[in-house]
Amino acid sequence: MTIQELLTNWKNDALFGERHFERQSITLVEGQELYLISVKCTVSVSRQSRLIEKHKFFQTRVQGLTDFNEINPKADEYICKQILLQLESDFYSDYNEFIDEEIRKKTSP
């Protein structure tokens, strides 16, 4: 599976909010691809709303190396999945914090 396919599947699997990725036109090292990956959602509790948005960059390793020992072909996919997990963890941490805060306000005497 290519990184583009992996990110497209991740984007399409969103249950709520928006998932987005964009390949950047610049790279730090020739042969690499740089992606900006983001998750955003407007959360509302009663009359309070907050936009929660998280971003991360993912950069592939140098493509086209022929020595098998230099690059594991699944390394980019593994690293990308780890970055997606961290991005979602950061997003849901803020999401849950907002929900908890608003519920505490409503239930406190």
C-alpha atoms as a PDB file:
ATOM      1  CA  MET A   1       0.000   0.000   0.000  1.00  0.00           C
ATOM      2  CA  THR A   2       1.336   3.447  -0.876  1.00  0.00           C
ATOM      3  CA  ILE A   3       1.366   6.323   1.607  1.00  0.00           C
ATOM      4  CA  GLN A   4      -1.173   8.127  -0.576  1.00  0.00           C
ATOM      5  CA  GLU A   5      -3.532   5.103  -0.357  1.00  0.00           C
ATOM      6  CA  LEU A   6      -2.981   4.781   3.391  1.00  0.00           C
ATOM      7  CA  LEU A   7      -3.804   8.447   3.982  1.00  0.00           C
ATOM      8  CA  THR A   8      -6.825   8.318   1.643  1.00  0.00           C
ATOM      9  CA  ASN A   9      -8.230   5.310   3.538  1.00  0.00           C
ATOM     10  CA  TRP A  10      -7.586   7.069   6.865  1.00  0.00           C
ATOM     11  CA  LYS A  11      -9.394  10.183   5.615  1.00  0.00           C
ATOM     12  CA  ASN A  12     -12.369   8.194   4.316  1.00  0.00           C
ATOM     13  CA  ASP A  13     -12.713   6.272   7.605  1.00  0.00           C
ATOM     14  CA  ALA A  14     -13.540   9.412   9.626  1.00  0.00           C
ATOM     15  CA  LEU A  15     -16.559   8.873  11.867  1.00  0.00           C
ATOM     16  CA  PHE A  16     -17.012  12.584  12.575  1.00  0.00           C
ATOM     17  CA  GLY A  17     -15.103  15.778  12.021  1.00  0.00           C
ATOM     18  CA  GLU A  18     -12.734  16.274   9.151  1.00  0.00           C
ATOM     19  CA  ARG A  19      -9.536  14.456   8.348  1.00  0.00           C
ATOM     20  CA  HIS A  20      -7.262  16.006   5.792  1.00  0.00           C
ATOM     21  CA  PHE A  21      -3.847  15.449   4.298  1.00  0.00           C
ATOM     22  CA  GLU A  22      -1.868  17.425   1.796  1.00  0.00           C
ATOM     23  CA  ARG A  23       1.400  16.597   0.105  1.00  0.00           C
ATOM     24  CA  GLN A  24       3.682  19.590   0.457  1.00  0.00           C
ATOM     25  CA  SER A  25       5.551  21.030  -2.514  1.00  0.00           C
ATOM     26  CA  ILE A  26       8.786  21.253  -0.529  1.00  0.00           C
ATOM     27  CA  THR A  27      10.931  18.532   0.994  1.00  0.00           C
ATOM     28  CA  LEU A  28      13.924  18.614   3.282  1.00  0.00           C
ATOM     29  CA  VAL A  29      15.796  15.943   1.334  1.00  0.00           C
ATOM     30  CA  GLU A  30      15.396  15.161  -2.351  1.00  0.00           C
ATOM     31  CA  GLY A  31      13.501  11.911  -2.864  1.00  0.00           C
ATOM     32  CA  GLN A  32      11.352  12.365   0.233  1.00  0.00           C
ATOM     33  CA  GLU A  33       7.693  13.343   0.368  1.00  0.00           C
ATOM     34  CA  LEU A  34       6.374  15.671   3.063  1.00  0.00           C
ATOM     35  CA  TYR A  35       2.704  15.551   4.108  1.00  0.00           C
ATOM     36  CA  LEU A  36       0.697  17.797   6.391  1.00  0.00           C
ATOM     37  CA  ILE A  37      -1.922  15.683   8.175  1.00  0.00           C
ATOM     38  CA  SER A  38      -4.759  17.226  10.181  1.00  0.00           C
ATOM     39  CA  VAL A  39      -7.904  16.435  12.141  1.00  0.00           C
ATOM     40  CA  LYS A  40     -10.488  19.055  13.049  1.00  0.00           C
ATOM     41  CA  CYS A  41     -13.957  19.164  14.522  1.00  0.00           C
ATOM     42  CA  THR A  42     -16.231  21.733  16.122  1.00  0.00           C
ATOM     43  CA  VAL A  43     -17.460  20.371  19.434  1.00  0.00           C
ATOM     44  CA  SER A  44     -20.568  21.741  21.132  1.00  0.00           C
ATOM     45  CA  VAL A  45     -21.882  21.168  24.638  1.00  0.00           C
ATOM     46  CA  SER A  46     -25.055  23.114  25.368  1.00  0.00           C
ATOM     47  CA  ARG A  47     -24.237  26.584  24.071  1.00  0.00           C
ATOM     48  CA  GLN A  48     -20.467  26.295  24.280  1.00  0.00           C
ATOM     49  CA  SER A  49     -18.514  25.430  21.147  1.00  0.00           C
ATOM     50  CA  ARG A  50     -14.862  24.944  20.455  1.00  0.00           C
ATOM     51  CA  LEU A  51     -12.927  24.150  17.298  1.00  0.00           C
ATOM     52  CA  ILE A  52     -10.414  21.427  18.029  1.00  0.00           C
ATOM     53  CA  GLU A  53      -7.750  21.088  15.399  1.00  0.00           C
ATOM     54  CA  LYS A  54      -4.484  19.133  15.394  1.00  0.00           C
ATOM     55  CA  HIS A  55      -1.748  18.950  12.768  1.00  0.00           C
ATOM     56  CA  LYS A  56       1.330  16.832  12.248  1.00  0.00           C
ATOM     57  CA  PHE A  57       3.884  16.451   9.502  1.00  0.00           C
ATOM     58  CA  PHE A  58       4.907  13.114   8.060  1.00  0.00           C
ATOM     59  CA  GLN A  59       7.972  12.733   5.884  1.00  0.00           C
ATOM     60  CA  THR A  60       8.795   9.594   3.945  1.00  0.00           C
ATOM     61  CA  ARG A  61      12.282   8.232   3.916  1.00  0.00           C
ATOM     62  CA  VAL A  62      14.468   8.599   0.836  1.00  0.00           C
ATOM     63  CA  GLN A  63      12.881   6.651  -2.000  1.00  0.00           C
ATOM     64  CA  GLY A  64      14.732   4.631  -4.615  1.00  0.00           C
ATOM     65  CA  LEU A  65      17.506   3.138  -2.498  1.00  0.00           C
ATOM     66  CA  THR A  66      18.290  -0.325  -3.759  1.00  0.00           C
ATOM     67  CA  ASP A  67      20.098  -1.862  -0.795  1.00  0.00           C
ATOM     68  CA  PHE A  68      17.436  -3.807   1.127  1.00  0.00           C
ATOM     69  CA  ASN A  69      19.300  -3.250   4.392  1.00  0.00           C
ATOM     70  CA  GLU A  70      19.076   0.528   4.031  1.00  0.00           C
ATOM     71  CA  ILE A  71      15.281   0.815   4.011  1.00  0.00           C
ATOM     72  CA  ASN A  72      12.580  -1.580   5.034  1.00  0.00           C
ATOM     73  CA  PRO A  73       9.822  -1.144   2.412  1.00  0.00           C
ATOM     74  CA  LYS A  74       7.173  -1.142   5.174  1.00  0.00           C
ATOM     75  CA  ALA A  75       8.977   1.446   7.330  1.00  0.00           C
ATOM     76  CA  ASP A  76       7.182   4.468   5.832  1.00  0.00           C
ATOM     77  CA  GLU A  77       3.805   2.792   6.300  1.00  0.00           C
ATOM     78  CA  TYR A  78       4.598   1.873   9.911  1.00  0.00           C
ATOM     79  CA  ILE A  79       5.872   5.355  10.768  1.00  0.00           C
ATOM     80  CA  CYS A  80       2.881   6.997   9.073  1.00  0.00           C
ATOM     81  CA  LYS A  81       0.462   4.815  11.065  1.00  0.00           C
ATOM     82  CA  GLN A  82       2.255   5.749  14.294  1.00  0.00           C
ATOM     83  CA  ILE A  83       1.988   9.452  13.441  1.00  0.00           C
ATOM     84  CA  LEU A  84      -1.722   9.054  12.662  1.00  0.00           C
ATOM     85  CA  LEU A  85      -2.260   7.323  16.013  1.00  0.00           C
ATOM     86  CA  GLN A  86      -0.425  10.114  17.841  1.00  0.00           C
ATOM     87  CA  LEU A  87      -2.383  12.782  15.955  1.00  0.00           C
ATOM     88  CA  GLU A  88      -5.695  11.175  16.876  1.00  0.00           C
ATOM     89  CA  SER A  89      -4.578  10.690  20.477  1.00  0.00           C
ATOM     90  CA  ASP A  90      -3.700  14.403  20.731  1.00  0.00           C
ATOM     91  CA  PHE A  91      -7.016  15.346  19.127  1.00  0.00           C
ATOM     92  CA  TYR A  92      -9.129  13.152  21.432  1.00  0.00           C
ATOM     93  CA  SER A  93      -7.215  14.343  24.475  1.00  0.00           C
ATOM     94  CA  ASP A  94      -8.300  17.939  23.739  1.00  0.00           C
ATOM     95  CA  TYR A  95     -11.782  16.772  22.741  1.00  0.00           C
ATOM     96  CA  ASN A  96     -12.308  14.856  25.986  1.00  0.00           C
ATOM     97  CA  GLU A  97     -10.854  17.672  28.074  1.00  0.00           C
ATOM     98  CA  PHE A  98     -13.361  20.139  26.595  1.00  0.00           C
ATOM     99  CA  ILE A  99     -16.298  17.775  27.124  1.00  0.00           C
ATOM    100  CA  ASP A 100     -15.240  17.026  30.716  1.00  0.00           C
ATOM    101  CA  GLU A 101     -14.764  20.710  31.501  1.00  0.00           C
ATOM    102  CA  GLU A 102     -18.192  21.674  30.160  1.00  0.00           C
ATOM    103  CA  ILE A 103     -19.933  18.800  31.950  1.00  0.00           C
ATOM    104  CA  ARG A 104     -18.244  19.743  35.234  1.00  0.00           C
ATOM    105  CA  LYS A 105     -19.548  23.311  34.802  1.00  0.00           C
ATOM    106  CA  LYS A 106     -23.085  21.994  34.300  1.00  0.00           C
ATOM    107  CA  THR A 107     -23.045  19.550  37.183  1.00  0.00           C
ATOM    108  CA  SER A 108     -21.203  21.636  39.803  1.00  0.00           C
ATOM    109  CA  PRO A 109     -23.393  23.345  42.384  1.00  0.00           C
END
